[in-house]
Amino acid sequence: MRIEDLGKRAMFLIPSVKVYNRKYSKSKKSMAKAIHKFLTKTFGGYTCVSGNLFGFFDGKDSPTEYDELREFRVAFKEDEMRTKVPKLQKFLAKLCANIGEECIYLECGEDAMLVYP
């Protein structure tokens, strides 16, 4: 038997419609392609979970918001400079601004956070 340690894990959620529909992108670029390119380049791969994944959130200007979501997961070994999580946070902040989201939910290991533009 062989077991390989993949290191830490990170997971984030993006509204499904904003991943696949360019009309929600200020840059008019495909967010699915941008996410794919970033995750494969930075982490060497990823997993995307789709299906009956939804959430309810207290919105800034509205009582409760509902979204159907895509879940993206990566596993990684941190480099000596510990740059992978900050790179992911920066990418998600830019993505958040581009698709008009207030924030993006991110988990890194046991830590959960909201990333704002």
C-alpha atoms as a PDB file:
ATOM      1  CA  MET A   1       0.000   0.000   0.000  1.00  0.00           C
ATOM      2  CA  ARG A   2       1.166   3.542  -0.785  1.00  0.00           C
ATOM      3  CA  ILE A   3      -0.213   6.743   0.740  1.00  0.00           C
ATOM      4  CA  GLU A   4       0.763  10.216  -0.396  1.00  0.00           C
ATOM      5  CA  ASP A   5       0.215  13.260   1.819  1.00  0.00           C
ATOM      6  CA  LEU A   6      -1.399  16.068  -0.182  1.00  0.00           C
ATOM      7  CA  GLY A   7      -0.962  18.678   2.551  1.00  0.00           C
ATOM      8  CA  LYS A   8      -3.580  21.270   3.371  1.00  0.00           C
ATOM      9  CA  ARG A   9      -6.959  21.775   1.777  1.00  0.00           C
ATOM     10  CA  ALA A  10      -9.002  24.763   0.732  1.00  0.00           C
ATOM     11  CA  MET A  11     -12.594  25.059  -0.454  1.00  0.00           C
ATOM     12  CA  PHE A  12     -14.647  27.975  -1.768  1.00  0.00           C
ATOM     13  CA  LEU A  13     -18.182  28.518  -3.017  1.00  0.00           C
ATOM     14  CA  ILE A  14     -19.299  30.476  -6.090  1.00  0.00           C
ATOM     15  CA  PRO A  15     -22.908  30.977  -7.270  1.00  0.00           C
ATOM     16  CA  SER A  16     -23.403  28.473 -10.100  1.00  0.00           C
ATOM     17  CA  VAL A  17     -24.997  30.920 -12.501  1.00  0.00           C
ATOM     18  CA  LYS A  18     -22.031  33.296 -12.145  1.00  0.00           C
ATOM     19  CA  VAL A  19     -19.506  30.559 -12.892  1.00  0.00           C
ATOM     20  CA  TYR A  20     -21.000  29.612 -16.244  1.00  0.00           C
ATOM     21  CA  ASN A  21     -22.872  32.688 -17.540  1.00  0.00           C
ATOM     22  CA  ARG A  22     -20.681  35.483 -18.939  1.00  0.00           C
ATOM     23  CA  LYS A  23     -23.409  38.078 -18.496  1.00  0.00           C
ATOM     24  CA  TYR A  24     -22.545  38.217 -14.773  1.00  0.00           C
ATOM     25  CA  SER A  25     -18.882  38.955 -15.493  1.00  0.00           C
ATOM     26  CA  LYS A  26     -17.865  42.614 -15.762  1.00  0.00           C
ATOM     27  CA  SER A  27     -14.928  41.503 -17.927  1.00  0.00           C
ATOM     28  CA  LYS A  28     -17.286  39.338 -20.046  1.00  0.00           C
ATOM     29  CA  LYS A  29     -14.791  36.487 -19.694  1.00  0.00           C
ATOM     30  CA  SER A  30     -15.739  32.959 -18.716  1.00  0.00           C
ATOM     31  CA  MET A  31     -15.300  32.585 -14.968  1.00  0.00           C
ATOM     32  CA  ALA A  32     -15.209  28.795 -15.382  1.00  0.00           C
ATOM     33  CA  LYS A  33     -12.118  29.135 -17.596  1.00  0.00           C
ATOM     34  CA  ALA A  34     -10.501  31.701 -15.288  1.00  0.00           C
ATOM     35  CA  ILE A  35     -11.061  29.505 -12.228  1.00  0.00           C
ATOM     36  CA  HIS A  36      -9.792  26.418 -14.081  1.00  0.00           C
ATOM     37  CA  LYS A  37      -6.651  28.207 -15.279  1.00  0.00           C
ATOM     38  CA  PHE A  38      -5.832  29.671 -11.848  1.00  0.00           C
ATOM     39  CA  LEU A  39      -6.430  26.467  -9.864  1.00  0.00           C
ATOM     40  CA  THR A  40      -4.514  24.181 -12.216  1.00  0.00           C
ATOM     41  CA  LYS A  41      -1.577  26.606 -12.448  1.00  0.00           C
ATOM     42  CA  THR A  42      -1.416  27.403  -8.713  1.00  0.00           C
ATOM     43  CA  PHE A  43      -2.439  24.072  -7.171  1.00  0.00           C
ATOM     44  CA  GLY A  44      -1.912  21.523  -9.935  1.00  0.00           C
ATOM     45  CA  GLY A  45      -5.589  20.583 -10.067  1.00  0.00           C
ATOM     46  CA  TYR A  46      -8.933  20.856  -8.303  1.00  0.00           C
ATOM     47  CA  THR A  47     -12.305  19.248  -7.771  1.00  0.00           C
ATOM     48  CA  CYS A  48     -15.619  20.930  -8.514  1.00  0.00           C
ATOM     49  CA  VAL A  49     -18.761  19.755  -6.772  1.00  0.00           C
ATOM     50  CA  SER A  50     -22.113  20.467  -8.379  1.00  0.00           C
ATOM     51  CA  GLY A  51     -25.578  19.212  -7.733  1.00  0.00           C
ATOM     52  CA  ASN A  52     -28.035  20.099  -5.019  1.00  0.00           C
ATOM     53  CA  LEU A  53     -25.700  22.547  -3.245  1.00  0.00           C
ATOM     54  CA  PHE A  54     -27.357  25.701  -1.960  1.00  0.00           C
ATOM     55  CA  GLY A  55     -27.059  28.194   0.842  1.00  0.00           C
ATOM     56  CA  PHE A  56     -28.897  30.956   2.664  1.00  0.00           C
ATOM     57  CA  PHE A  57     -26.978  34.076   3.627  1.00  0.00           C
ATOM     58  CA  ASP A  58     -27.725  37.299   5.473  1.00  0.00           C
ATOM     59  CA  GLY A  59     -27.239  39.961   2.832  1.00  0.00           C
ATOM     60  CA  LYS A  60     -25.941  43.481   3.350  1.00  0.00           C
ATOM     61  CA  ASP A  61     -29.015  45.148   1.833  1.00  0.00           C
ATOM     62  CA  SER A  62     -31.604  42.376   2.056  1.00  0.00           C
ATOM     63  CA  PRO A  63     -32.865  40.025   4.754  1.00  0.00           C
ATOM     64  CA  THR A  64     -31.817  36.560   3.540  1.00  0.00           C
ATOM     65  CA  GLU A  65     -30.389  35.637   0.168  1.00  0.00           C
ATOM     66  CA  TYR A  66     -30.471  32.217  -1.487  1.00  0.00           C
ATOM     67  CA  ASP A  67     -27.873  30.873  -3.924  1.00  0.00           C
ATOM     68  CA  GLU A  68     -27.253  27.616  -5.746  1.00  0.00           C
ATOM     69  CA  LEU A  69     -23.528  27.050  -5.599  1.00  0.00           C
ATOM     70  CA  ARG A  70     -20.504  25.305  -7.048  1.00  0.00           C
ATOM     71  CA  GLU A  71     -17.908  24.102  -4.577  1.00  0.00           C
ATOM     72  CA  PHE A  72     -14.275  24.148  -5.630  1.00  0.00           C
ATOM     73  CA  ARG A  73     -11.661  22.185  -3.632  1.00  0.00           C
ATOM     74  CA  VAL A  74      -7.892  22.054  -3.774  1.00  0.00           C
ATOM     75  CA  ALA A  75      -5.210  20.208  -1.828  1.00  0.00           C
ATOM     76  CA  PHE A  76      -1.718  21.611  -1.614  1.00  0.00           C
ATOM     77  CA  LYS A  77       1.594  21.655   0.124  1.00  0.00           C
ATOM     78  CA  GLU A  78       2.527  25.194   1.085  1.00  0.00           C
ATOM     79  CA  ASP A  79       5.791  26.558  -0.280  1.00  0.00           C
ATOM     80  CA  GLU A  80       8.477  28.061   1.965  1.00  0.00           C
ATOM     81  CA  MET A  81       7.139  31.592   1.432  1.00  0.00           C
ATOM     82  CA  ARG A  82       3.590  30.479   2.338  1.00  0.00           C
ATOM     83  CA  THR A  83       2.139  32.169  -0.738  1.00  0.00           C
ATOM     84  CA  LYS A  84      -0.575  29.787  -1.910  1.00  0.00           C
ATOM     85  CA  VAL A  85      -3.372  30.841   0.461  1.00  0.00           C
ATOM     86  CA  PRO A  86      -2.713  34.583  -0.063  1.00  0.00           C
ATOM     87  CA  LYS A  87      -2.695  33.977  -3.846  1.00  0.00           C
ATOM     88  CA  LEU A  88      -6.041  32.199  -3.554  1.00  0.00           C
ATOM     89  CA  GLN A  89      -7.482  35.003  -1.415  1.00  0.00           C
ATOM     90  CA  LYS A  90      -6.297  37.648  -3.888  1.00  0.00           C
ATOM     91  CA  PHE A  91      -7.737  35.686  -6.825  1.00  0.00           C
ATOM     92  CA  LEU A  92     -11.081  35.288  -5.039  1.00  0.00           C
ATOM     93  CA  ALA A  93     -11.188  39.009  -4.165  1.00  0.00           C
ATOM     94  CA  LYS A  94     -10.739  39.895  -7.859  1.00  0.00           C
ATOM     95  CA  LEU A  95     -13.265  37.253  -8.902  1.00  0.00           C
ATOM     96  CA  CYS A  96     -15.719  38.598  -6.326  1.00  0.00           C
ATOM     97  CA  ALA A  97     -15.461  42.125  -7.752  1.00  0.00           C
ATOM     98  CA  ASN A  98     -15.751  40.853 -11.328  1.00  0.00           C
ATOM     99  CA  ILE A  99     -18.985  38.918 -10.735  1.00  0.00           C
ATOM    100  CA  GLY A 100     -20.569  41.486  -8.419  1.00  0.00           C
ATOM    101  CA  GLU A 101     -20.622  39.391  -5.265  1.00  0.00           C
ATOM    102  CA  GLU A 102     -20.428  41.021  -1.833  1.00  0.00           C
ATOM    103  CA  CYS A 103     -17.985  38.313  -0.694  1.00  0.00           C
ATOM    104  CA  ILE A 104     -16.891  34.715  -1.298  1.00  0.00           C
ATOM    105  CA  TYR A 105     -16.878  31.996   1.358  1.00  0.00           C
ATOM    106  CA  LEU A 106     -13.491  30.272   1.760  1.00  0.00           C
ATOM    107  CA  GLU A 107     -12.287  27.487   4.038  1.00  0.00           C
ATOM    108  CA  CYS A 108      -8.582  26.777   4.516  1.00  0.00           C
ATOM    109  CA  GLY A 109      -8.026  23.792   6.785  1.00  0.00           C
ATOM    110  CA  GLU A 110     -10.117  24.452   9.882  1.00  0.00           C
ATOM    111  CA  ASP A 111     -10.412  28.198   9.203  1.00  0.00           C
ATOM    112  CA  ALA A 112     -13.491  29.683   7.546  1.00  0.00           C
ATOM    113  CA  MET A 113     -13.503  33.223   6.183  1.00  0.00           C
ATOM    114  CA  LEU A 114     -15.242  35.653   3.862  1.00  0.00           C
ATOM    115  CA  VAL A 115     -13.142  37.226   1.115  1.00  0.00           C
ATOM    116  CA  TYR A 116     -14.242  40.687   0.025  1.00  0.00           C
ATOM    117  CA  PRO A 117     -13.167  42.587  -3.098  1.00  0.00           C
END
